[in-house]
Amino acid sequence: MTDGPDAREAERVGLCARCRHGRRQASAKGSVFWRCQLARSDPRFRPYPPLPVRACPGFAPASPDSSSSRASGT
């Protein structure tokens, strides 16, 4: 398993895959969802935005060392 999303998943997901607020979440049945952490405090953001996200006012690039925690949901 890699630290972040692979290129195919990143293309399917859009900005959330590269955003510090995006969290990859896998269900017990193997489905994968992307959750926006901004939705916790700002009602303008949907917790599970429709993918791919091509534009977002809350987008903030993730730091390179945060990709493993983002992918695991921590």
N, C-alpha and C. Protein backbone atom coordinates (compact mmCIF):
# COMPACT_ATOMS: atom_id res chain seq x y z
N MET A 1 0.84 -1.17 0.00
CA MET A 1 0.00 0.00 0.00
C MET A 1 0.89 1.24 0.00
N THR A 2 0.48 2.28 -0.73
CA THR A 2 1.26 3.50 -0.81
C THR A 2 0.77 4.50 0.23
N ASP A 3 1.55 5.57 0.43
CA ASP A 3 1.19 6.58 1.41
C ASP A 3 0.00 7.42 0.99
N GLY A 4 -0.16 7.68 -0.28
CA GLY A 4 -1.25 8.53 -0.76
C GLY A 4 -2.02 7.83 -1.85
N PRO A 5 -2.98 8.55 -2.43
CA PRO A 5 -3.75 7.94 -3.51
C PRO A 5 -2.88 7.73 -4.74
N ASP A 6 -3.15 6.66 -5.49
CA ASP A 6 -2.40 6.47 -6.73
C ASP A 6 -2.92 7.44 -7.78
N ALA A 7 -2.25 7.51 -8.91
CA ALA A 7 -2.60 8.49 -9.94
C ALA A 7 -4.03 8.29 -10.44
N ARG A 8 -4.46 7.07 -10.59
CA ARG A 8 -5.82 6.80 -11.08
C ARG A 8 -6.87 7.28 -10.08
N GLU A 9 -6.65 7.01 -8.79
CA GLU A 9 -7.59 7.46 -7.78
C GLU A 9 -7.57 8.99 -7.66
N ALA A 10 -6.39 9.59 -7.74
CA ALA A 10 -6.28 11.04 -7.66
C ALA A 10 -7.05 11.71 -8.79
N GLU A 11 -7.01 11.14 -9.98
CA GLU A 11 -7.77 11.69 -11.11
C GLU A 11 -9.27 11.54 -10.88
N ARG A 12 -9.68 10.40 -10.35
CA ARG A 12 -11.10 10.16 -10.09
C ARG A 12 -11.64 11.06 -8.99
N VAL A 13 -10.82 11.37 -8.00
CA VAL A 13 -11.24 12.14 -6.83
C VAL A 13 -11.14 13.65 -7.07
N GLY A 14 -10.11 14.08 -7.77
CA GLY A 14 -9.91 15.50 -8.00
C GLY A 14 -9.13 16.15 -6.87
N LEU A 15 -9.47 17.38 -6.54
CA LEU A 15 -8.72 18.16 -5.56
C LEU A 15 -8.65 17.53 -4.18
N CYS A 16 -9.67 16.84 -3.76
CA CYS A 16 -9.69 16.26 -2.40
C CYS A 16 -8.49 15.35 -2.15
N ALA A 17 -8.01 14.68 -3.18
CA ALA A 17 -6.88 13.77 -3.04
C ALA A 17 -5.59 14.52 -2.72
N ARG A 18 -5.53 15.81 -3.03
CA ARG A 18 -4.33 16.60 -2.79
C ARG A 18 -4.54 17.67 -1.73
N CYS A 19 -5.70 17.69 -1.09
CA CYS A 19 -6.05 18.73 -0.12
C CYS A 19 -5.77 18.28 1.31
N ARG A 20 -5.30 19.20 2.12
CA ARG A 20 -5.03 18.85 3.52
C ARG A 20 -6.30 18.55 4.30
N HIS A 21 -7.46 18.97 3.79
CA HIS A 21 -8.74 18.73 4.47
C HIS A 21 -9.42 17.44 4.01
N GLY A 22 -8.91 16.82 2.96
CA GLY A 22 -9.50 15.59 2.43
C GLY A 22 -9.03 14.37 3.18
N ARG A 23 -9.96 13.46 3.48
CA ARG A 23 -9.63 12.21 4.16
C ARG A 23 -10.24 11.04 3.39
N ARG A 24 -9.43 10.07 3.10
CA ARG A 24 -9.89 8.86 2.42
C ARG A 24 -10.44 7.91 3.47
N GLN A 25 -11.65 7.43 3.25
CA GLN A 25 -12.26 6.51 4.21
C GLN A 25 -12.77 5.28 3.47
N ALA A 26 -12.41 4.12 3.98
CA ALA A 26 -12.86 2.87 3.39
C ALA A 26 -13.89 2.23 4.31
N SER A 27 -14.95 1.70 3.70
CA SER A 27 -15.98 1.03 4.48
C SER A 27 -15.56 -0.42 4.74
N ALA A 28 -16.29 -1.09 5.61
CA ALA A 28 -16.02 -2.49 5.91
C ALA A 28 -16.21 -3.37 4.68
N LYS A 29 -17.04 -2.91 3.74
CA LYS A 29 -17.30 -3.68 2.52
C LYS A 29 -16.34 -3.34 1.40
N GLY A 30 -15.40 -2.43 1.66
CA GLY A 30 -14.39 -2.12 0.66
C GLY A 30 -14.65 -0.89 -0.19
N SER A 31 -15.79 -0.21 0.00
CA SER A 31 -16.04 1.03 -0.73
C SER A 31 -15.15 2.12 -0.18
N VAL A 32 -14.75 3.04 -1.04
CA VAL A 32 -13.88 4.15 -0.63
C VAL A 32 -14.62 5.46 -0.81
N PHE A 33 -14.57 6.30 0.22
CA PHE A 33 -15.20 7.61 0.21
C PHE A 33 -14.17 8.65 0.59
N TRP A 34 -14.38 9.87 0.15
CA TRP A 34 -13.51 10.98 0.54
C TRP A 34 -14.32 11.96 1.34
N ARG A 35 -13.84 12.29 2.52
CA ARG A 35 -14.54 13.16 3.46
C ARG A 35 -13.81 14.49 3.56
N CYS A 36 -14.57 15.58 3.57
CA CYS A 36 -14.00 16.92 3.73
C CYS A 36 -14.07 17.31 5.20
N GLN A 37 -12.92 17.51 5.81
CA GLN A 37 -12.86 17.88 7.22
C GLN A 37 -13.37 19.29 7.47
N LEU A 38 -13.41 20.14 6.45
CA LEU A 38 -13.96 21.49 6.62
C LEU A 38 -15.44 21.46 6.95
N ALA A 39 -16.13 20.40 6.55
CA ALA A 39 -17.56 20.29 6.81
C ALA A 39 -17.87 20.24 8.30
N ARG A 40 -16.90 19.89 9.11
CA ARG A 40 -17.11 19.85 10.57
C ARG A 40 -17.43 21.22 11.13
N SER A 41 -16.83 22.26 10.56
CA SER A 41 -16.97 23.60 11.13
C SER A 41 -17.56 24.64 10.17
N ASP A 42 -17.74 24.29 8.90
CA ASP A 42 -18.23 25.25 7.92
C ASP A 42 -19.33 24.61 7.07
N PRO A 43 -20.57 25.10 7.20
CA PRO A 43 -21.69 24.49 6.48
C PRO A 43 -21.63 24.65 4.96
N ARG A 44 -20.73 25.46 4.45
CA ARG A 44 -20.59 25.60 3.00
C ARG A 44 -20.03 24.32 2.36
N PHE A 45 -19.40 23.47 3.15
CA PHE A 45 -18.75 22.28 2.62
C PHE A 45 -19.54 21.03 2.95
N ARG A 46 -19.67 20.17 1.95
CA ARG A 46 -20.37 18.90 2.13
C ARG A 46 -19.39 17.88 2.71
N PRO A 47 -19.84 17.08 3.68
CA PRO A 47 -18.94 16.08 4.26
C PRO A 47 -18.39 15.11 3.22
N TYR A 48 -19.24 14.66 2.31
CA TYR A 48 -18.83 13.74 1.25
C TYR A 48 -19.19 14.38 -0.09
N PRO A 49 -18.29 15.21 -0.63
CA PRO A 49 -18.61 15.92 -1.87
C PRO A 49 -18.69 14.97 -3.06
N PRO A 50 -19.52 15.33 -4.04
CA PRO A 50 -19.55 14.52 -5.27
C PRO A 50 -18.19 14.62 -5.97
N LEU A 51 -17.72 13.50 -6.43
CA LEU A 51 -16.40 13.44 -7.06
C LEU A 51 -16.52 13.33 -8.57
N PRO A 52 -15.59 13.87 -9.31
CA PRO A 52 -14.37 14.54 -8.89
C PRO A 52 -14.63 15.99 -8.52
N VAL A 53 -13.87 16.49 -7.57
CA VAL A 53 -13.93 17.91 -7.19
C VAL A 53 -12.89 18.63 -8.04
N ARG A 54 -13.34 19.54 -8.88
CA ARG A 54 -12.44 20.27 -9.78
C ARG A 54 -12.16 21.69 -9.29
N ALA A 55 -13.04 22.24 -8.44
CA ALA A 55 -12.84 23.58 -7.88
C ALA A 55 -13.42 23.58 -6.47
N CYS A 56 -12.70 24.22 -5.54
CA CYS A 56 -13.17 24.27 -4.16
C CYS A 56 -12.56 25.49 -3.47
N PRO A 57 -13.39 26.33 -2.84
CA PRO A 57 -12.84 27.50 -2.15
C PRO A 57 -12.03 27.14 -0.91
N GLY A 58 -12.16 25.93 -0.41
CA GLY A 58 -11.42 25.52 0.78
C GLY A 58 -10.16 24.73 0.48
N PHE A 59 -9.84 24.56 -0.80
CA PHE A 59 -8.67 23.75 -1.15
C PHE A 59 -7.40 24.35 -0.57
N ALA A 60 -6.63 23.50 0.11
CA ALA A 60 -5.31 23.87 0.63
C ALA A 60 -4.40 22.68 0.38
N PRO A 61 -3.32 22.87 -0.36
CA PRO A 61 -2.44 21.74 -0.67
C PRO A 61 -1.94 21.05 0.59
N ALA A 62 -1.95 19.74 0.56
CA ALA A 62 -1.45 18.95 1.68
C ALA A 62 0.07 19.02 1.70
N SER A 63 0.64 18.99 2.88
CA SER A 63 2.09 18.94 2.98
C SER A 63 2.54 17.52 2.62
N PRO A 64 3.70 17.38 2.02
CA PRO A 64 4.17 16.05 1.58
C PRO A 64 4.22 15.02 2.70
N ASP A 65 4.52 15.43 3.93
CA ASP A 65 4.63 14.48 5.02
C ASP A 65 3.30 14.10 5.65
N SER A 66 2.19 14.67 5.17
CA SER A 66 0.88 14.36 5.76
C SER A 66 0.10 13.34 4.96
N SER A 67 0.63 12.84 3.85
CA SER A 67 -0.14 11.95 2.99
C SER A 67 -0.51 10.64 3.66
N SER A 68 0.34 10.07 4.50
CA SER A 68 0.00 8.79 5.12
C SER A 68 -1.11 8.94 6.13
N SER A 69 -1.15 10.04 6.90
CA SER A 69 -2.23 10.22 7.86
C SER A 69 -3.53 10.57 7.17
N ARG A 70 -3.46 11.26 6.03
CA ARG A 70 -4.67 11.60 5.28
C ARG A 70 -5.30 10.34 4.71
N ALA A 71 -4.48 9.45 4.18
CA ALA A 71 -4.98 8.24 3.55
C ALA A 71 -5.60 7.29 4.57
N SER A 72 -5.10 7.31 5.78
CA SER A 72 -5.61 6.38 6.78
C SER A 72 -6.80 6.93 7.54
N GLY A 73 -7.05 8.24 7.39
CA GLY A 73 -8.19 8.82 8.07
C GLY A 73 -7.91 9.31 9.48
N THR A 74 -6.66 9.43 9.86
CA THR A 74 -6.32 9.90 11.19
C THR A 74 -6.03 11.36 11.21
